[in-house]
Protein backbone atom coordinates (compact mmCIF):
# COMPACT_ATOMS: atom_id res chain seq x y z
CA UNK A 1 -48.43 14.12 0.50
CA UNK A 2 -49.72 15.83 -2.61
CA UNK A 3 -52.64 14.73 -4.72
CA UNK A 4 -53.63 15.90 -8.17
CA UNK A 5 -56.85 15.02 -9.93
CA UNK A 6 -56.70 16.23 -13.52
CA UNK A 7 -59.43 15.65 -16.05
CA UNK A 8 -59.73 16.85 -19.64
CA UNK A 9 -61.61 15.56 -22.67
CA UNK A 10 -58.43 13.60 -23.46
CA UNK A 11 -57.26 12.22 -20.11
CA UNK A 12 -58.27 11.45 -16.56
CA UNK A 13 -55.53 11.31 -13.93
CA UNK A 14 -55.53 10.68 -10.17
CA UNK A 15 -51.99 10.98 -8.82
CA UNK A 16 -50.64 11.00 -5.27
CA UNK A 17 -46.98 11.51 -4.39
CA UNK A 18 -45.17 11.48 -1.05
CA UNK A 19 -41.50 11.65 -0.19
CA UNK A 20 -40.91 8.11 0.98
CA UNK A 21 -39.37 4.76 0.14
CA UNK A 22 -39.92 4.46 -3.60
CA UNK A 23 -43.07 2.33 -3.56
CA UNK A 24 -45.30 2.73 -6.60
CA UNK A 25 -48.74 1.60 -7.68
CA UNK A 26 -49.22 2.66 -11.29
CA UNK A 27 -52.00 1.84 -13.74
CA UNK A 28 -52.06 3.90 -16.93
CA UNK A 29 -52.79 1.25 -19.56
CA UNK A 30 -49.35 1.95 -21.11
CA UNK A 31 -46.84 -0.64 -19.90
CA UNK A 32 -43.75 1.40 -20.74
CA UNK A 33 -45.13 4.51 -19.01
CA UNK A 34 -45.99 2.38 -15.96
CA UNK A 35 -42.42 1.02 -15.96
CA UNK A 36 -40.90 4.53 -16.23
CA UNK A 37 -43.09 5.91 -13.42
CA UNK A 38 -42.24 2.98 -11.15
CA UNK A 39 -38.55 3.46 -11.98
CA UNK A 40 -38.73 7.21 -11.35
CA UNK A 41 -40.45 6.67 -7.98
CA UNK A 42 -37.84 4.15 -6.87
CA UNK A 43 -34.83 6.26 -7.86
CA UNK A 44 -36.32 9.52 -6.55
CA UNK A 45 -37.38 7.79 -3.31
CA UNK A 46 -40.99 8.81 -3.78
CA UNK A 47 -44.13 6.88 -2.96
CA UNK A 48 -46.33 7.21 -6.02
CA UNK A 49 -49.88 6.17 -6.79
CA UNK A 50 -51.10 6.84 -10.33
CA UNK A 51 -54.41 5.87 -11.93
CA UNK A 52 -54.70 7.32 -15.41
CA UNK A 53 -56.33 6.80 -18.77
CA UNK A 54 -56.22 8.70 -22.01
CA UNK A 55 -57.51 8.81 -25.54
CA UNK A 56 -54.05 8.47 -27.08
CA UNK A 57 -50.54 7.68 -25.87
CA UNK A 58 -49.14 11.19 -26.39
CA UNK A 59 -51.89 12.84 -24.32
CA UNK A 60 -51.58 10.24 -21.58
CA UNK A 61 -47.79 10.54 -21.23
CA UNK A 62 -47.84 14.34 -21.40
CA UNK A 63 -50.70 14.80 -18.91
CA UNK A 64 -49.22 12.34 -16.41
CA UNK A 65 -45.94 14.30 -16.55
CA UNK A 66 -47.79 17.60 -16.03
CA UNK A 67 -49.66 16.14 -13.04
CA UNK A 68 -46.49 14.64 -11.54
CA UNK A 69 -44.63 17.94 -11.84
CA UNK A 70 -47.47 19.88 -10.19
CA UNK A 71 -47.80 17.30 -7.39
CA UNK A 72 -44.06 17.39 -6.69
CA UNK A 73 -43.93 21.18 -6.18
CA UNK A 74 -45.25 21.18 -2.60
CA UNK A 75 -42.99 18.22 -1.74
CA UNK A 76 -39.84 20.35 -2.10
CA UNK A 77 -38.67 21.44 1.35
CA UNK A 78 -38.00 25.15 1.93
CA UNK A 79 -34.41 24.24 2.80
CA UNK A 80 -33.91 21.76 -0.04
CA UNK A 81 -30.34 21.23 -1.16
CA UNK A 82 -31.75 22.50 -4.48
CA UNK A 83 -29.24 20.96 -6.89
CA UNK A 84 -28.83 17.34 -7.86
CA UNK A 85 -27.02 15.39 -10.56
CA UNK A 86 -26.43 11.80 -11.52
CA UNK A 87 -24.67 9.79 -14.20
CA UNK A 88 -26.33 6.43 -14.88
CA UNK A 89 -24.95 3.56 -16.97
CA UNK A 90 -27.43 1.03 -18.29
CA UNK A 91 -25.93 -1.56 -20.62
CA UNK A 92 -24.96 0.40 -23.78
CA UNK A 93 -26.43 3.68 -22.46
CA UNK A 94 -24.74 6.32 -20.35
CA UNK A 95 -26.94 9.31 -19.45
CA UNK A 96 -26.49 12.20 -17.05
CA UNK A 97 -29.09 14.45 -15.51
CA UNK A 98 -28.70 17.70 -13.58
CA UNK A 99 -31.60 19.46 -11.87
CA UNK A 100 -32.21 22.69 -9.99
CA UNK A 101 -35.50 22.77 -8.07
CA UNK A 102 -35.15 26.50 -7.38
CA UNK A 103 -38.30 27.57 -9.21
CA UNK A 104 -37.00 28.31 -12.71
CA UNK A 105 -38.60 26.05 -15.32
CA UNK A 106 -36.29 25.08 -18.19
CA UNK A 107 -35.48 21.89 -20.06
CA UNK A 108 -32.54 21.05 -22.31
CA UNK A 109 -31.82 17.60 -23.64
CA UNK A 110 -32.13 15.22 -26.53
CA UNK A 111 -33.50 11.71 -26.23
CA UNK A 112 -34.07 9.21 -29.05
CA UNK A 113 -37.77 9.30 -28.11
CA UNK A 114 -39.62 12.58 -28.74
CA UNK A 115 -42.42 11.35 -26.46
CA UNK A 116 -40.16 10.82 -23.43
CA UNK A 117 -38.20 13.98 -24.15
CA UNK A 118 -41.59 15.71 -23.95
CA UNK A 119 -42.36 13.79 -20.74
CA UNK A 120 -39.22 15.13 -19.05
CA UNK A 121 -39.78 18.64 -20.40
CA UNK A 122 -43.40 18.66 -19.13
CA UNK A 123 -42.27 17.31 -15.76
CA UNK A 124 -39.56 20.00 -15.39
CA UNK A 125 -41.80 22.84 -16.53
CA UNK A 126 -44.65 21.95 -14.17
CA UNK A 127 -42.28 21.24 -11.29
CA UNK A 128 -40.68 24.63 -11.84
CA UNK A 129 -37.26 23.02 -12.23
CA UNK A 130 -34.31 23.43 -14.54
CA UNK A 131 -33.48 20.02 -15.99
CA UNK A 132 -30.56 19.18 -18.27
CA UNK A 133 -30.24 15.72 -19.79
CA UNK A 134 -27.19 14.59 -21.72
CA UNK A 135 -26.95 11.24 -23.48
CA UNK A 136 -23.25 10.47 -23.36
CA UNK A 137 -23.67 7.29 -25.43
CA UNK A 138 -26.11 4.53 -26.24
CA UNK A 139 -27.82 2.65 -29.04
CA UNK A 140 -30.92 1.06 -27.52
CA UNK A 141 -33.77 3.60 -27.17
CA UNK A 142 -35.28 1.78 -24.19
CA UNK A 143 -31.95 1.77 -22.32
CA UNK A 144 -31.33 5.47 -23.05
CA UNK A 145 -34.80 6.58 -21.93
CA UNK A 146 -34.69 4.39 -18.82
CA UNK A 147 -31.20 5.64 -17.90
CA UNK A 148 -32.47 9.23 -18.31
CA UNK A 149 -35.44 8.54 -16.02
CA UNK A 150 -33.20 6.85 -13.43
CA UNK A 151 -30.65 9.69 -13.54
CA UNK A 152 -33.42 12.28 -13.19
CA UNK A 153 -34.91 10.40 -10.24
CA UNK A 154 -31.53 10.20 -8.49
CA UNK A 155 -30.84 13.89 -9.20
CA UNK A 156 -34.27 14.87 -7.85
CA UNK A 157 -33.72 12.79 -4.71
CA UNK A 158 -30.45 14.63 -4.09
CA UNK A 159 -31.91 18.08 -4.85
CA UNK A 160 -34.90 17.64 -2.54
CA UNK A 161 -32.94 16.45 0.49
CA UNK A 162 -33.38 18.71 3.49
CA UNK A 163 -30.46 21.11 3.85
CA UNK A 164 -29.45 23.33 6.74
CA UNK A 165 -30.40 26.66 5.11
CA UNK A 166 -32.27 28.10 2.15
CA UNK A 167 -29.82 27.63 -0.73
CA UNK A 168 -30.49 30.89 -2.59
CA UNK A 169 -29.43 34.51 -2.27
CA UNK A 170 -33.07 35.56 -2.74
CA UNK A 171 -34.30 33.42 0.15
CA UNK A 172 -37.17 30.99 0.06
CA UNK A 173 -39.55 31.17 -2.89
CA UNK A 174 -43.13 30.67 -1.79
CA UNK A 175 -45.93 30.35 -4.34
CA UNK A 176 -49.53 29.86 -3.27
CA UNK A 177 -51.59 28.14 -5.98
CA UNK A 178 -54.81 28.04 -3.97
CA UNK A 179 -57.82 29.89 -5.28
CA UNK A 180 -60.68 31.40 -3.41
CA UNK A 181 -64.25 31.74 -4.51
CA UNK A 182 -65.86 35.13 -4.75
């Protein structure tokens, strides 16, 4: 279980994530963000609890993604399968996602929503993951964004499954983010 409490002048976030069954309790004040976080949790098989508020939608969505990425880092097993990919159809939309949780932050993709493109980029960067999103087709913005979130959740679930060995020629990457007081 990982918990992040993040507070700025713009947002206040309390987020807990655990590898689990996909249960989510989310209250951000933004119904679409709540829906996307619940969807992500279900498809990634994560138990997620998010209480958040913000001064504007952009800050709220961005800061929740930052917090989620940071909270997910310690949930990646040392012997994770590392790579995951999924292709998700949703009505008119067809979106694929590929992720590498090997510690190299990078995002490439185009969504018809700059806000949710930024959400996925912030998530990937703070998770330390490489994330590629490709919209194969689609007309409805909601369907495209939701298919991207579902595909990313499924890809993350696959990438974070326990493997039999460290899947890297450099071995396990260990980063300690704790700080001490002097």
